[in-house]
Protein backbone atom coordinates (compact mmCIF):
# COMPACT_ATOMS: atom_id res chain seq x y z
CA MET A 1 0.00 0.00 0.00
CA ILE A 2 2.83 2.39 0.83
CA GLN A 3 4.44 1.81 -2.56
CA LYS A 4 1.16 2.75 -4.28
CA VAL A 5 1.03 6.01 -2.29
CA VAL A 6 4.70 6.72 -3.13
CA CYS A 7 4.12 6.14 -6.84
CA CYS A 8 0.94 8.26 -7.04
CA THR A 9 2.40 11.06 -4.91
CA ASN A 10 5.47 11.21 -7.15
CA LEU A 11 3.24 11.33 -10.26
CA GLU A 12 1.27 14.25 -8.81
CA GLY A 13 4.40 16.06 -7.65
CA GLU A 14 5.99 15.73 -11.08
CA ARG A 15 2.78 16.88 -12.74
CA VAL A 16 2.78 20.08 -10.65
CA TYR A 17 6.51 20.81 -10.23
CA GLY A 18 8.06 18.97 -13.16
CA LYS A 19 11.73 18.18 -12.67
CA ASN A 20 11.85 20.35 -9.53
CA TRP A 21 9.88 17.75 -7.55
CA GLY A 22 12.08 15.92 -5.05
CA LYS A 23 10.94 12.31 -5.33
CA THR A 24 9.59 10.75 -2.18
CA ASP A 25 10.12 7.17 -1.02
CA ALA A 26 8.48 4.68 1.33
CA THR A 27 10.52 5.81 4.34
CA GLU A 28 9.50 9.43 3.89
CA ILE A 29 5.80 8.55 3.47
CA GLU A 30 5.92 6.35 6.57
CA GLY A 31 7.55 9.22 8.48
CA PHE A 32 4.88 11.60 7.17
CA VAL A 33 2.09 9.30 8.39
CA GLY A 34 3.89 8.91 11.72
CA CYS A 35 4.07 12.68 12.12
CA LEU A 36 0.36 12.99 11.35
CA LEU A 37 -0.41 10.32 13.97
CA HIS A 38 1.84 12.16 16.43
CA LEU A 39 -0.06 15.39 15.80
CA GLY A 40 -3.33 13.51 16.29
CA THR A 41 -2.27 12.23 19.70
CA LEU A 42 -1.26 15.74 20.72
CA ARG A 43 -4.51 17.19 19.34
CA ASP A 44 -2.39 19.59 17.28
CA SER A 45 -4.16 18.99 13.97
CA ARG A 46 -5.54 22.55 13.80
CA THR A 47 -2.34 24.31 14.85
CA THR A 48 -0.73 26.26 12.02
CA THR A 49 2.49 24.95 10.52
CA THR A 50 4.21 28.21 11.41
CA VAL A 51 3.62 27.49 15.10
CA LEU A 52 4.48 23.79 14.77
CA TRP A 53 7.88 24.57 13.18
CA ASP A 54 8.68 27.48 15.50
CA LYS A 55 12.25 27.14 16.78
CA THR A 56 11.44 27.92 20.42
CA ASN A 57 7.92 26.57 21.04
CA GLY A 58 7.42 24.26 18.06
CA ASN A 59 7.27 20.50 17.85
CA GLN A 60 10.80 19.07 17.91
CA LEU A 61 9.81 15.76 16.33
CA LEU A 62 8.34 17.47 13.26
CA ARG A 63 11.39 19.68 12.82
CA ALA A 64 13.66 16.63 13.12
CA CYS A 65 11.74 14.71 10.42
CA PHE A 66 10.82 17.35 7.83
CA SER A 67 11.36 20.90 6.82
CA ARG A 68 8.13 22.87 6.91
CA ASN A 69 8.15 23.30 3.13
CA ARG A 70 8.62 19.58 2.47
CA PHE A 71 5.82 18.69 4.90
CA LEU A 72 3.48 21.13 3.14
CA LYS A 73 4.43 19.81 -0.29
CA LEU A 74 3.76 16.24 0.79
CA SER A 75 0.45 17.13 2.41
CA ASN A 76 -0.68 19.07 -0.68
CA HIS A 77 0.32 16.42 -3.22
CA LEU A 78 -0.27 13.16 -1.32
CA ARG A 79 -2.27 10.89 -3.65
CA PHE A 80 -3.72 7.41 -3.35
CA ASP A 81 -4.47 6.84 -7.04
CA ASP A 82 -3.39 7.93 -10.50
CA LYS A 83 -5.24 11.16 -11.19
CA SER A 84 -5.02 10.72 -14.97
CA THR A 85 -7.19 7.55 -14.93
CA ARG A 86 -9.53 8.60 -12.13
CA GLN A 87 -12.47 9.80 -14.27
CA SER A 88 -12.90 6.51 -16.12
CA ARG A 89 -12.72 4.52 -12.88
CA ARG A 90 -15.03 6.94 -11.09
CA ALA A 91 -17.76 6.38 -13.70
CA LYS A 92 -18.11 2.84 -12.33
CA ASP A 93 -17.14 3.41 -8.69
CA ALA A 94 -17.67 6.61 -6.66
CA PHE A 95 -14.99 5.43 -4.19
CA ALA A 96 -12.42 4.97 -7.00
CA PRO A 97 -9.83 7.51 -5.72
CA PHE A 98 -9.34 5.49 -2.54
CA ARG A 99 -10.63 2.01 -3.50
CA GLU A 100 -7.28 0.24 -3.96
CA ILE A 101 -5.88 1.49 -0.63
CA TRP A 102 -9.14 0.67 1.20
CA ASP A 103 -9.26 -2.89 -0.20
CA GLY A 104 -5.61 -3.43 0.78
CA PHE A 105 -6.32 -2.09 4.27
CA ASN A 106 -9.28 -4.46 4.70
CA LEU A 107 -7.22 -7.39 3.42
CA ASN A 108 -4.47 -6.66 5.97
CA LEU A 109 -6.86 -6.33 8.93
CA GLY A 110 -7.65 -10.03 9.08
CA LYS A 111 -4.26 -11.46 8.07
CA GLU A 112 -2.60 -11.82 11.47
CA TYR A 113 -5.56 -11.81 13.83
CA ILE A 114 -7.85 -14.72 14.65
CA PRO A 115 -11.14 -13.41 16.04
CA GLY A 116 -13.06 -14.87 18.93
CA PRO A 117 -16.45 -16.54 18.52
CA MET A 118 -18.41 -13.33 19.04
CA LEU A 119 -18.43 -10.68 16.31
CA THR A 120 -20.40 -7.47 16.07
CA VAL A 121 -21.25 -5.00 13.32
CA ASP A 122 -20.63 -1.39 14.25
CA GLU A 123 -20.99 1.86 12.37
CA GLN A 124 -18.81 4.94 12.60
CA LEU A 125 -19.19 8.42 11.21
CA MET A 126 -15.79 9.77 10.16
CA PRO A 127 -16.08 13.59 10.21
CA TRP A 128 -15.65 15.07 6.74
CA ARG A 129 -16.71 18.40 5.25
CA GLY A 130 -15.05 18.08 1.84
CA ARG A 131 -16.53 17.18 -1.51
CA CYS A 132 -17.68 13.59 -1.70
CA GLY A 133 -20.49 11.84 -3.57
CA PHE A 134 -21.52 9.69 -0.60
CA LEU A 135 -21.32 12.20 2.26
CA GLN A 136 -23.80 11.52 5.07
CA TYR A 137 -25.72 14.10 7.06
CA LEU A 138 -26.77 12.91 10.51
CA PRO A 139 -28.20 15.77 12.59
CA SER A 140 -28.15 13.73 15.81
CA LYS A 141 -24.34 13.29 15.75
CA PRO A 142 -21.81 15.81 17.15
CA ASP A 143 -20.10 15.92 13.74
CA LYS A 144 -23.11 16.20 11.48
CA TYR A 145 -21.34 15.55 8.15
CA GLY A 146 -19.08 12.63 7.42
CA LEU A 147 -18.41 9.27 5.85
CA LYS A 148 -20.38 6.42 7.36
CA ILE A 149 -18.31 3.26 7.75
CA PHE A 150 -19.59 -0.14 8.84
CA TRP A 151 -17.09 -2.36 10.64
CA ILE A 152 -17.15 -6.05 11.54
CA CYS A 153 -15.34 -6.16 14.89
CA ASP A 154 -14.31 -8.72 17.47
CA ALA A 155 -16.77 -8.26 20.34
CA ASP A 156 -14.13 -8.93 23.01
CA ASN A 157 -11.72 -6.10 22.16
CA GLY A 158 -13.24 -4.14 19.26
CA TYR A 159 -10.54 -5.10 16.74
CA PRO A 160 -11.88 -4.41 13.22
CA LEU A 161 -11.82 -7.37 10.84
CA HIS A 162 -13.44 -5.84 7.76
């Protein structure tokens, strides 16, 4: 899955910057995802990058991994599919831009885990306010707009299987 993201991100970067795009690799994408997870645990997702990369009060882990400009370039051009073939695939599947990554993620969930005898189906609303053909509006939820995901989980610990 990481190699697919690397390939598509490099295609998009070269499309926008041409030969000036510094190619990314699997290690850099993994570090980028790790930094995003780190920001999520700190609840720093809405803090501006200027504050995050500040030399005195900024986040030292982010500064150690990326320059601010490289982080912004990766976040702006991160892609999960080939943009040039997206329209033809989207005619058949509204989830086409993310389908290959999602199917790989679901395949990997059940590879190394053997569930107990009790399974449950759960639903989750992932907050999202962007453009999407299958956006849900649920007025009773705290985040009223989002993507509704149904999970099959192990009832004992909540591990998602599919």
